C-alpha atoms as a PDB file:
ATOM      1  CA  MET A   1     107.572 104.266  59.894  1.00  0.00           C
ATOM      2  CA  LYS A   2     104.383 103.750  61.600  1.00  0.00           C
ATOM      3  CA  ASP A   3     103.657 105.711  65.078  1.00  0.00           C
ATOM      4  CA  LYS A   4     103.907 102.665  67.073  1.00  0.00           C
ATOM      5  CA  GLU A   5     107.423 102.129  65.605  1.00  0.00           C
ATOM      6  CA  ILE A   6     108.467 105.530  65.974  1.00  0.00           C
ATOM      7  CA  GLU A   7     107.606 105.100  69.642  1.00  0.00           C
ATOM      8  CA  MET A   8     109.257 101.948  70.140  1.00  0.00           C
ATOM      9  CA  SER A   9     112.264 103.386  68.370  1.00  0.00           C
ATOM     10  CA  PHE A  10     112.065 106.533  71.049  1.00  0.00           C
ATOM     11  CA  ILE A  11     111.858 103.738  74.214  1.00  0.00           C
ATOM     12  CA  THR A  12     114.421 101.495  73.079  1.00  0.00           C
ATOM     13  CA  LYS A  13     116.946 104.432  72.289  1.00  0.00           C
ATOM     14  CA  THR A  14     116.084 105.590  75.656  1.00  0.00           C
ATOM     15  CA  LEU A  15     116.427 102.163  77.382  1.00  0.00           C
ATOM     16  CA  ALA A  16     119.661 101.683  75.455  1.00  0.00           C
ATOM     17  CA  LYS A  17     121.247 104.688  76.639  1.00  0.00           C
ATOM     18  CA  ASP A  18     119.848 104.121  80.306  1.00  0.00           C
ATOM     19  CA  ALA A  19     121.234 100.700  80.113  1.00  0.00           C
ATOM     20  CA  LEU A  20     124.803 101.882  79.123  1.00  0.00           C
ATOM     21  CA  ASP A  21     124.916 104.564  81.577  1.00  0.00           C
ATOM     22  CA  GLU A  22     124.853 102.033  84.721  1.00  0.00           C
ATOM     23  CA  TYR A  23     128.368 101.589  84.285  1.00  0.00           C
ATOM     24  CA  PRO A  24     131.295 103.764  83.230  1.00  0.00           C
ATOM     25  CA  CYS A  25     132.828 100.849  81.278  1.00  0.00           C
ATOM     26  CA  SER A  26     131.758  98.271  78.829  1.00  0.00           C
ATOM     27  CA  VAL A  27     128.975  95.641  79.875  1.00  0.00           C
ATOM     28  CA  HIS A  28     127.410  92.460  78.622  1.00  0.00           C
ATOM     29  CA  ILE A  29     123.727  92.548  78.390  1.00  0.00           C
ATOM     30  CA  CYS A  30     121.036  90.093  78.616  1.00  0.00           C
ATOM     31  CA  ILE A  31     117.360  90.054  78.958  1.00  0.00           C
ATOM     32  CA  ASN A  32     116.328  89.132  82.502  1.00  0.00           C
ATOM     33  CA  PRO A  33     115.114  85.740  82.188  1.00  0.00           C
ATOM     34  CA  TYR A  34     112.579  86.375  84.916  1.00  0.00           C
ATOM     35  CA  TYR A  35     110.894  88.613  82.254  1.00  0.00           C
ATOM     36  CA  TRP A  36     111.346  86.338  78.850  1.00  0.00           C
ATOM     37  CA  GLU A  37     113.384  83.392  77.967  1.00  0.00           C
ATOM     38  CA  ASP A  38     114.259  82.618  74.090  1.00  0.00           C
ATOM     39  CA  ASN A  39     112.963  78.988  73.599  1.00  0.00           C
ATOM     40  CA  GLY A  40     114.007  78.491  77.150  1.00  0.00           C
ATOM     41  CA  ALA A  41     117.544  80.092  77.042  1.00  0.00           C
ATOM     42  CA  ILE A  42     118.673  83.296  78.358  1.00  0.00           C
ATOM     43  CA  CYS A  43     118.666  86.014  75.511  1.00  0.00           C
ATOM     44  CA  SER A  44     122.234  87.554  75.646  1.00  0.00           C
ATOM     45  CA  LEU A  45     122.248  90.465  73.543  1.00  0.00           C
ATOM     46  CA  GLY A  46     125.827  91.346  73.804  1.00  0.00           C
ATOM     47  CA  ASP A  47     128.939  93.350  74.685  1.00  0.00           C
ATOM     48  CA  PHE A  48     128.619  96.945  74.456  1.00  0.00           C
ATOM     49  CA  LYS A  49     130.867  99.684  75.259  1.00  0.00           C
ATOM     50  CA  PRO A  50     129.578 102.928  76.699  1.00  0.00           C
ATOM     51  CA  THR A  51     129.071 104.919  72.987  1.00  0.00           C
ATOM     52  CA  ASP A  52     127.162 101.833  71.595  1.00  0.00           C
ATOM     53  CA  VAL A  53     123.656 103.579  72.285  1.00  0.00           C
ATOM     54  CA  ASP A  54     122.414 103.246  68.800  1.00  0.00           C
ATOM     55  CA  LYS A  55     123.958  99.340  68.156  1.00  0.00           C
ATOM     56  CA  LEU A  56     122.033  98.318  71.371  1.00  0.00           C
ATOM     57  CA  ALA A  57     118.763 100.145  70.348  1.00  0.00           C
ATOM     58  CA  GLU A  58     118.743  98.416  67.141  1.00  0.00           C
ATOM     59  CA  ILE A  59     119.233  94.975  69.028  1.00  0.00           C
ATOM     60  CA  LEU A  60     116.721  95.869  71.522  1.00  0.00           C
ATOM     61  CA  ASP A  61     114.190  96.977  68.713  1.00  0.00           C
ATOM     62  CA  GLU A  62     114.613  93.278  67.332  1.00  0.00           C
ATOM     63  CA  VAL A  63     114.209  91.515  70.500  1.00  0.00           C
ATOM     64  CA  SER A  64     111.318  93.709  71.528  1.00  0.00           C
ATOM     65  CA  ALA A  65     109.341  92.695  68.578  1.00  0.00           C
ATOM     66  CA  GLN A  66     109.916  88.883  69.355  1.00  0.00           C
ATOM     67  CA  ILE A  67     109.061  89.669  72.841  1.00  0.00           C
ATOM     68  CA  TYR A  68     106.001  91.446  72.235  1.00  0.00           C
ATOM     69  CA  GLU A  69     104.653  88.801  69.481  1.00  0.00           C
ATOM     70  CA  GLU A  70     105.224  86.370  72.186  1.00  0.00           C
ATOM     71  CA  THR A  71     103.934  87.977  75.320  1.00  0.00           C
ATOM     72  CA  GLY A  72     102.155  91.057  74.229  1.00  0.00           C
ATOM     73  CA  PHE A  73     104.642  92.958  76.742  1.00  0.00           C
ATOM     74  CA  TYR A  74     107.603  95.429  75.137  1.00  0.00           C
ATOM     75  CA  PRO A  75     110.684  95.743  77.466  1.00  0.00           C
ATOM     76  CA  THR A  76     110.528  99.157  78.639  1.00  0.00           C
ATOM     77  CA  SER A  77     112.580  99.683  81.823  1.00  0.00           C
ATOM     78  CA  LEU A  78     115.910  98.554  83.345  1.00  0.00           C
ATOM     79  CA  ASP A  79     114.227  95.834  85.105  1.00  0.00           C
ATOM     80  CA  TRP A  80     113.942  93.859  81.936  1.00  0.00           C
ATOM     81  CA  LEU A  81     117.832  93.808  81.575  1.00  0.00           C
ATOM     82  CA  ASP A  82     120.578  92.223  83.343  1.00  0.00           C
ATOM     83  CA  ILE A  83     123.605  94.263  82.980  1.00  0.00           C
ATOM     84  CA  PHE A  84     127.349  92.904  83.824  1.00  0.00           C
ATOM     85  CA  PRO A  85     129.932  95.357  83.956  1.00  0.00           C
ATOM     86  CA  GLU A  86     133.630  94.419  82.368  1.00  0.00           C
ATOM     87  CA  ASP A  87     134.739  95.537  85.710  1.00  0.00           C
ATOM     88  CA  LYS A  88     133.724  93.169  88.124  1.00  0.00           C
ATOM     89  CA  ALA A  89     134.649  95.318  90.991  1.00  0.00           C
ATOM     90  CA  LEU A  90     131.839  97.933  90.038  1.00  0.00           C
ATOM     91  CA  LEU A  91     129.124  94.787  90.170  1.00  0.00           C
ATOM     92  CA  ASP A  92     130.658  93.822  93.616  1.00  0.00           C
ATOM     93  CA  ALA A  93     130.285  97.298  94.827  1.00  0.00           C
ATOM     94  CA  ARG A  94     126.922  97.261  93.817  1.00  0.00           C
ATOM     95  CA  ILE A  95     125.674  94.141  95.214  1.00  0.00           C
ATOM     96  CA  LYS A  96     127.591  94.937  98.710  1.00  0.00           C
ATOM     97  CA  LYS A  97     125.764  98.152  99.102  1.00  0.00           C
ATOM     98  CA  ALA A  98     122.391  96.291  98.231  1.00  0.00           C
ATOM     99  CA  ASN A  99     123.001  93.975 100.833  1.00  0.00           C
ATOM    100  CA  GLU A 100     123.953  96.652 103.327  1.00  0.00           C
ATOM    101  CA  ASP A 101     120.768  98.935 102.599  1.00  0.00           C
ATOM    102  CA  PHE A 102     118.624  95.296 102.630  1.00  0.00           C
ATOM    103  CA  ASP A 103     120.338  94.853 106.316  1.00  0.00           C
ATOM    104  CA  ALA A 104     119.496  98.646 107.335  1.00  0.00           C
ATOM    105  CA  LEU A 105     115.983  98.080 106.187  1.00  0.00           C
ATOM    106  CA  LEU A 106     115.648  94.858 108.390  1.00  0.00           C
ATOM    107  CA  ASP A 107     117.059  96.353 111.063  1.00  0.00           C
ATOM    108  CA  SER A 108     114.863  99.356 111.212  1.00  0.00           C
ATOM    109  CA  LEU A 109     111.939  96.984 110.761  1.00  0.00           C
ATOM    110  CA  GLN A 110     112.895  94.939 113.506  1.00  0.00           C
ATOM    111  CA  SER A 111     113.344  97.971 116.022  1.00  0.00           C
ATOM    112  CA  GLU A 112     109.912  99.426 114.866  1.00  0.00           C
ATOM    113  CA  LEU A 113     108.311  95.897 115.899  1.00  0.00           C
ATOM    114  CA  ILE A 114     109.995  95.873 119.171  1.00  0.00           C
ATOM    115  CA  GLU A 115     108.660  99.403 119.746  1.00  0.00           C
ATOM    116  CA  GLU A 116     105.328  98.293 119.067  1.00  0.00           C
ATOM    117  CA  SER A 117     105.322  95.296 121.234  1.00  0.00           C
ATOM    118  CA  GLU A 118     106.732  97.216 124.158  1.00  0.00           C
ATOM    119  CA  ARG A 119     103.780  99.673 123.758  1.00  0.00           C
END
């Protein structure tokens, strides 16, 4: 195996583990279409159990080679993946928290602007 292949296998194995650690249940994983599409279509990698790290890493290796050939980039972070948990309540809770955090950020920025304008 070449050094680049060994490095990518390590990266895809790490990415696979990180992806499957996102939720404590089975997940459906796709490549984020903002990063890459397979001939204009969303690339679904499949359904995976939390223990399917090697299976996902193999698929990521294959898809990564295709993505690199077409774009010159390798998927190296969770940003490249859309991960959908089997338990939809987990995703709903994550979305709710993200919205609450965003609202808190906006409130904070608004307060800072008001304070600045009063000076």
